[in-house]
Amino acid sequence: MKTVISSQGNSLQAKIDMRFGRAQWFCVYNKENGQSEFVINENVDAHGGAGTKTAELMAELGAGEVYSGHFGPKAEELLKKLNIGMKTFSNEEQTIEQVINELK
């Protein structure tokens, strides 16, 4: 299963991003093989619908679950319809690497 984590940058040392639809980057972590890759969020500057467009991106990436700080109501609704789990961060100072270590 793939877990997607909203990120402020494109490295494991980057801090998590509390925004879902407007996160700068996403770390796609594959639990099966331990690999991770970073994908830029092209919806970050969308004039509207960033959350739903980003939810669609999660489906394209094959996400089983998404970690972020806040999901808007429309993004949350679409992620539920797509059967993609949502988890929220409790510590906004965490790095991507720390989140991945907690997932292992």
N, C-alpha and C. Protein backbone atom coordinates (compact mmCIF):
# COMPACT_ATOMS: atom_id res chain seq x y z
N MET A 1 0.85 -1.18 0.00
CA MET A 1 0.00 0.00 0.00
C MET A 1 0.89 1.24 0.00
N LYS A 2 0.43 2.26 -0.68
CA LYS A 2 1.15 3.53 -0.72
C LYS A 2 0.53 4.51 0.26
N THR A 3 1.41 5.18 0.99
CA THR A 3 1.01 6.23 1.90
C THR A 3 1.57 7.54 1.36
N VAL A 4 0.73 8.54 1.25
CA VAL A 4 1.16 9.84 0.75
C VAL A 4 1.17 10.82 1.91
N ILE A 5 2.27 11.58 2.01
CA ILE A 5 2.47 12.52 3.11
C ILE A 5 2.66 13.92 2.53
N SER A 6 1.87 14.88 2.97
CA SER A 6 2.04 16.26 2.48
C SER A 6 3.34 16.83 3.04
N SER A 7 4.11 17.49 2.17
CA SER A 7 5.45 17.92 2.52
C SER A 7 5.74 19.34 2.05
N GLN A 8 6.60 20.03 2.80
CA GLN A 8 7.02 21.38 2.42
C GLN A 8 8.18 21.36 1.43
N GLY A 9 8.79 20.20 1.23
CA GLY A 9 9.93 20.10 0.33
C GLY A 9 10.02 18.73 -0.29
N ASN A 10 11.09 18.50 -1.04
CA ASN A 10 11.22 17.24 -1.75
C ASN A 10 12.36 16.38 -1.23
N SER A 11 12.49 16.34 0.11
CA SER A 11 13.51 15.48 0.72
C SER A 11 12.95 14.92 2.02
N LEU A 12 13.60 13.87 2.50
CA LEU A 12 13.16 13.25 3.75
C LEU A 12 13.35 14.17 4.95
N GLN A 13 14.22 15.16 4.82
CA GLN A 13 14.45 16.10 5.91
C GLN A 13 13.45 17.26 5.90
N ALA A 14 12.62 17.36 4.87
CA ALA A 14 11.62 18.42 4.79
C ALA A 14 10.58 18.24 5.88
N LYS A 15 10.02 19.35 6.32
CA LYS A 15 8.95 19.28 7.31
C LYS A 15 7.63 18.95 6.61
N ILE A 16 6.74 18.38 7.38
CA ILE A 16 5.42 18.07 6.86
C ILE A 16 4.69 19.37 6.54
N ASP A 17 3.72 19.29 5.65
CA ASP A 17 2.90 20.45 5.31
C ASP A 17 1.52 20.21 5.89
N MET A 18 1.04 21.14 6.65
CA MET A 18 -0.26 21.00 7.30
C MET A 18 -1.43 21.17 6.31
N ARG A 19 -1.13 21.67 5.13
CA ARG A 19 -2.17 21.87 4.12
C ARG A 19 -2.22 20.65 3.20
N PHE A 20 -3.39 20.27 2.80
CA PHE A 20 -3.52 19.15 1.86
C PHE A 20 -3.53 19.67 0.42
N GLY A 21 -4.57 20.37 0.04
CA GLY A 21 -4.72 20.82 -1.34
C GLY A 21 -3.66 21.80 -1.79
N ARG A 22 -3.06 22.50 -0.86
CA ARG A 22 -2.05 23.51 -1.19
C ARG A 22 -0.64 23.13 -0.71
N ALA A 23 -0.45 21.87 -0.39
CA ALA A 23 0.90 21.41 -0.02
C ALA A 23 1.82 21.57 -1.22
N GLN A 24 3.07 21.91 -0.96
CA GLN A 24 4.03 22.10 -2.04
C GLN A 24 4.38 20.78 -2.72
N TRP A 25 4.60 19.74 -1.92
CA TRP A 25 5.06 18.44 -2.39
C TRP A 25 4.29 17.34 -1.69
N PHE A 26 4.40 16.14 -2.24
CA PHE A 26 3.89 14.94 -1.58
C PHE A 26 4.97 13.88 -1.63
N CYS A 27 5.17 13.23 -0.51
CA CYS A 27 6.06 12.07 -0.45
C CYS A 27 5.18 10.84 -0.60
N VAL A 28 5.47 10.02 -1.59
CA VAL A 28 4.74 8.78 -1.81
C VAL A 28 5.62 7.66 -1.26
N TYR A 29 5.17 7.07 -0.16
CA TYR A 29 5.93 6.01 0.51
C TYR A 29 5.26 4.67 0.26
N ASN A 30 6.02 3.75 -0.29
CA ASN A 30 5.52 2.41 -0.56
C ASN A 30 5.91 1.50 0.60
N LYS A 31 4.93 1.08 1.37
CA LYS A 31 5.21 0.26 2.55
C LYS A 31 5.76 -1.12 2.19
N GLU A 32 5.42 -1.62 1.01
CA GLU A 32 5.84 -2.95 0.62
C GLU A 32 7.34 -3.04 0.36
N ASN A 33 7.90 -2.03 -0.30
CA ASN A 33 9.33 -2.10 -0.64
C ASN A 33 10.18 -1.03 0.06
N GLY A 34 9.55 -0.17 0.87
CA GLY A 34 10.28 0.84 1.62
C GLY A 34 10.77 2.02 0.79
N GLN A 35 10.38 2.09 -0.47
CA GLN A 35 10.81 3.17 -1.36
C GLN A 35 9.94 4.41 -1.15
N SER A 36 10.54 5.57 -1.37
CA SER A 36 9.76 6.80 -1.34
C SER A 36 10.19 7.68 -2.50
N GLU A 37 9.23 8.44 -3.01
CA GLU A 37 9.50 9.39 -4.08
C GLU A 37 8.70 10.64 -3.80
N PHE A 38 9.14 11.75 -4.36
CA PHE A 38 8.46 13.02 -4.14
C PHE A 38 7.82 13.50 -5.44
N VAL A 39 6.59 13.98 -5.30
CA VAL A 39 5.80 14.46 -6.42
C VAL A 39 5.39 15.90 -6.12
N ILE A 40 5.63 16.79 -7.07
CA ILE A 40 5.23 18.18 -6.88
C ILE A 40 3.71 18.28 -7.00
N ASN A 41 3.12 19.16 -6.21
CA ASN A 41 1.68 19.39 -6.27
C ASN A 41 1.41 20.52 -7.25
N GLU A 42 0.95 20.19 -8.41
CA GLU A 42 0.66 21.21 -9.43
C GLU A 42 -0.60 22.01 -9.12
N ASN A 43 -1.33 21.60 -8.10
CA ASN A 43 -2.57 22.30 -7.72
C ASN A 43 -2.35 23.38 -6.68
N VAL A 44 -1.11 23.57 -6.26
CA VAL A 44 -0.81 24.49 -5.16
C VAL A 44 -1.29 25.91 -5.45
N ASP A 45 -1.26 26.33 -6.70
CA ASP A 45 -1.67 27.68 -7.05
C ASP A 45 -3.02 27.74 -7.78
N ALA A 46 -3.80 26.66 -7.70
CA ALA A 46 -5.10 26.63 -8.36
C ALA A 46 -6.00 27.74 -7.81
N HIS A 47 -6.78 28.34 -8.67
CA HIS A 47 -7.68 29.42 -8.24
C HIS A 47 -8.86 28.89 -7.45
N GLY A 48 -9.18 27.65 -7.64
CA GLY A 48 -10.28 27.03 -6.91
C GLY A 48 -10.22 25.54 -7.09
N GLY A 49 -10.77 24.80 -6.15
CA GLY A 49 -10.82 23.36 -6.26
C GLY A 49 -9.51 22.64 -6.03
N ALA A 50 -8.57 23.29 -5.34
CA ALA A 50 -7.27 22.65 -5.11
C ALA A 50 -7.42 21.34 -4.34
N GLY A 51 -8.30 21.32 -3.37
CA GLY A 51 -8.48 20.12 -2.56
C GLY A 51 -9.01 18.95 -3.35
N THR A 52 -10.02 19.18 -4.16
CA THR A 52 -10.60 18.07 -4.93
C THR A 52 -9.64 17.62 -6.04
N LYS A 53 -8.95 18.56 -6.67
CA LYS A 53 -7.96 18.19 -7.69
C LYS A 53 -6.84 17.37 -7.07
N THR A 54 -6.44 17.74 -5.88
CA THR A 54 -5.38 17.02 -5.19
C THR A 54 -5.87 15.65 -4.74
N ALA A 55 -7.13 15.54 -4.35
CA ALA A 55 -7.70 14.23 -4.00
C ALA A 55 -7.67 13.31 -5.22
N GLU A 56 -7.98 13.85 -6.39
CA GLU A 56 -7.90 13.06 -7.62
C GLU A 56 -6.47 12.61 -7.89
N LEU A 57 -5.51 13.48 -7.59
CA LEU A 57 -4.10 13.12 -7.74
C LEU A 57 -3.75 11.95 -6.84
N MET A 58 -4.29 11.92 -5.63
CA MET A 58 -4.01 10.82 -4.71
C MET A 58 -4.46 9.48 -5.31
N ALA A 59 -5.61 9.50 -5.96
CA ALA A 59 -6.10 8.28 -6.61
C ALA A 59 -5.17 7.87 -7.75
N GLU A 60 -4.71 8.85 -8.53
CA GLU A 60 -3.78 8.56 -9.62
C GLU A 60 -2.47 7.97 -9.11
N LEU A 61 -2.04 8.42 -7.94
CA LEU A 61 -0.80 7.92 -7.34
C LEU A 61 -0.97 6.55 -6.69
N GLY A 62 -2.21 6.08 -6.58
CA GLY A 62 -2.47 4.78 -5.97
C GLY A 62 -2.41 4.80 -4.45
N ALA A 63 -2.72 5.93 -3.85
CA ALA A 63 -2.66 6.07 -2.40
C ALA A 63 -3.73 5.24 -1.71
N GLY A 64 -3.32 4.57 -0.65
CA GLY A 64 -4.28 3.88 0.21
C GLY A 64 -4.65 4.75 1.40
N GLU A 65 -3.71 5.63 1.76
CA GLU A 65 -3.96 6.57 2.85
C GLU A 65 -3.12 7.82 2.62
N VAL A 66 -3.61 8.93 3.21
CA VAL A 66 -2.94 10.22 3.07
C VAL A 66 -2.78 10.83 4.46
N TYR A 67 -1.58 11.36 4.72
CA TYR A 67 -1.30 12.08 5.96
C TYR A 67 -1.16 13.56 5.64
N SER A 68 -1.89 14.39 6.35
CA SER A 68 -1.80 15.83 6.20
C SER A 68 -2.31 16.48 7.48
N GLY A 69 -2.25 17.80 7.53
CA GLY A 69 -2.71 18.49 8.72
C GLY A 69 -4.19 18.81 8.68
N HIS A 70 -4.66 19.20 7.50
CA HIS A 70 -6.07 19.61 7.38
C HIS A 70 -6.57 19.26 5.98
N PHE A 71 -7.70 18.61 5.94
CA PHE A 71 -8.38 18.30 4.68
C PHE A 71 -9.62 19.16 4.63
N GLY A 72 -9.82 19.86 3.54
CA GLY A 72 -11.05 20.63 3.39
C GLY A 72 -12.24 19.70 3.23
N PRO A 73 -13.45 20.22 3.43
CA PRO A 73 -14.64 19.36 3.38
C PRO A 73 -14.86 18.68 2.03
N LYS A 74 -14.60 19.37 0.94
CA LYS A 74 -14.79 18.75 -0.37
C LYS A 74 -13.74 17.69 -0.66
N ALA A 75 -12.49 17.98 -0.27
CA ALA A 75 -11.42 16.99 -0.45
C ALA A 75 -11.71 15.76 0.41
N GLU A 76 -12.14 15.99 1.63
CA GLU A 76 -12.45 14.89 2.55
C GLU A 76 -13.56 14.01 1.97
N GLU A 77 -14.59 14.64 1.45
CA GLU A 77 -15.71 13.90 0.86
C GLU A 77 -15.24 13.04 -0.32
N LEU A 78 -14.43 13.62 -1.20
CA LEU A 78 -13.96 12.88 -2.37
C LEU A 78 -13.01 11.76 -1.96
N LEU A 79 -12.11 12.01 -1.02
CA LEU A 79 -11.21 10.96 -0.56
C LEU A 79 -11.99 9.78 0.03
N LYS A 80 -13.06 10.07 0.76
CA LYS A 80 -13.91 9.00 1.30
C LYS A 80 -14.54 8.20 0.17
N LYS A 81 -15.04 8.88 -0.86
CA LYS A 81 -15.64 8.19 -2.01
C LYS A 81 -14.62 7.32 -2.73
N LEU A 82 -13.36 7.76 -2.74
CA LEU A 82 -12.29 7.02 -3.41
C LEU A 82 -11.69 5.94 -2.51
N ASN A 83 -12.23 5.80 -1.30
CA ASN A 83 -11.74 4.82 -0.32
C ASN A 83 -10.27 5.02 0.03
N ILE A 84 -9.88 6.27 0.16
CA ILE A 84 -8.53 6.62 0.57
C ILE A 84 -8.60 7.12 2.01
N GLY A 85 -7.88 6.46 2.89
CA GLY A 85 -7.89 6.83 4.30
C GLY A 85 -7.19 8.16 4.55
N MET A 86 -7.62 8.85 5.58
CA MET A 86 -7.05 10.15 5.93
C MET A 86 -6.58 10.12 7.38
N LYS A 87 -5.36 10.58 7.59
CA LYS A 87 -4.82 10.69 8.94
C LYS A 87 -4.24 12.09 9.07
N THR A 88 -4.36 12.65 10.26
CA THR A 88 -3.85 14.01 10.47
C THR A 88 -2.62 13.99 11.36
N PHE A 89 -1.76 14.98 11.17
CA PHE A 89 -0.56 15.13 11.96
C PHE A 89 -0.90 15.71 13.32
N SER A 90 -0.14 15.29 14.32
CA SER A 90 -0.31 15.90 15.64
C SER A 90 0.84 16.85 15.95
N ASN A 91 1.97 16.70 15.23
CA ASN A 91 3.14 17.52 15.50
C ASN A 91 3.61 18.15 14.19
N GLU A 92 3.34 19.42 14.00
CA GLU A 92 3.67 20.06 12.73
C GLU A 92 5.16 20.30 12.53
N GLU A 93 5.97 19.96 13.51
CA GLU A 93 7.43 20.11 13.39
C GLU A 93 8.10 18.84 12.89
N GLN A 94 7.31 17.79 12.66
CA GLN A 94 7.87 16.52 12.21
C GLN A 94 8.45 16.64 10.80
N THR A 95 9.46 15.81 10.54
CA THR A 95 9.99 15.70 9.19
C THR A 95 9.32 14.51 8.51
N ILE A 96 9.47 14.45 7.21
CA ILE A 96 8.93 13.32 6.44
C ILE A 96 9.57 12.03 6.93
N GLU A 97 10.86 12.07 7.17
CA GLU A 97 11.57 10.87 7.64
C GLU A 97 11.00 10.36 8.97
N GLN A 98 10.67 11.27 9.87
CA GLN A 98 10.10 10.86 11.16
C GLN A 98 8.75 10.20 10.97
N VAL A 99 7.93 10.73 10.06
CA VAL A 99 6.62 10.13 9.80
C VAL A 99 6.80 8.73 9.22
N ILE A 100 7.72 8.59 8.27
CA ILE A 100 7.96 7.28 7.66
C ILE A 100 8.46 6.29 8.71
N ASN A 101 9.33 6.71 9.59
CA ASN A 101 9.83 5.82 10.65
C ASN A 101 8.70 5.34 11.55
N GLU A 102 7.71 6.20 11.79
CA GLU A 102 6.55 5.81 12.59
C GLU A 102 5.67 4.80 11.85
N LEU A 103 5.70 4.85 10.52
CA LEU A 103 4.89 3.94 9.72
C LEU A 103 5.49 2.54 9.64
N LYS A 104 6.80 2.44 9.86
CA LYS A 104 7.48 1.14 9.74
C LYS A 104 7.13 0.21 10.87
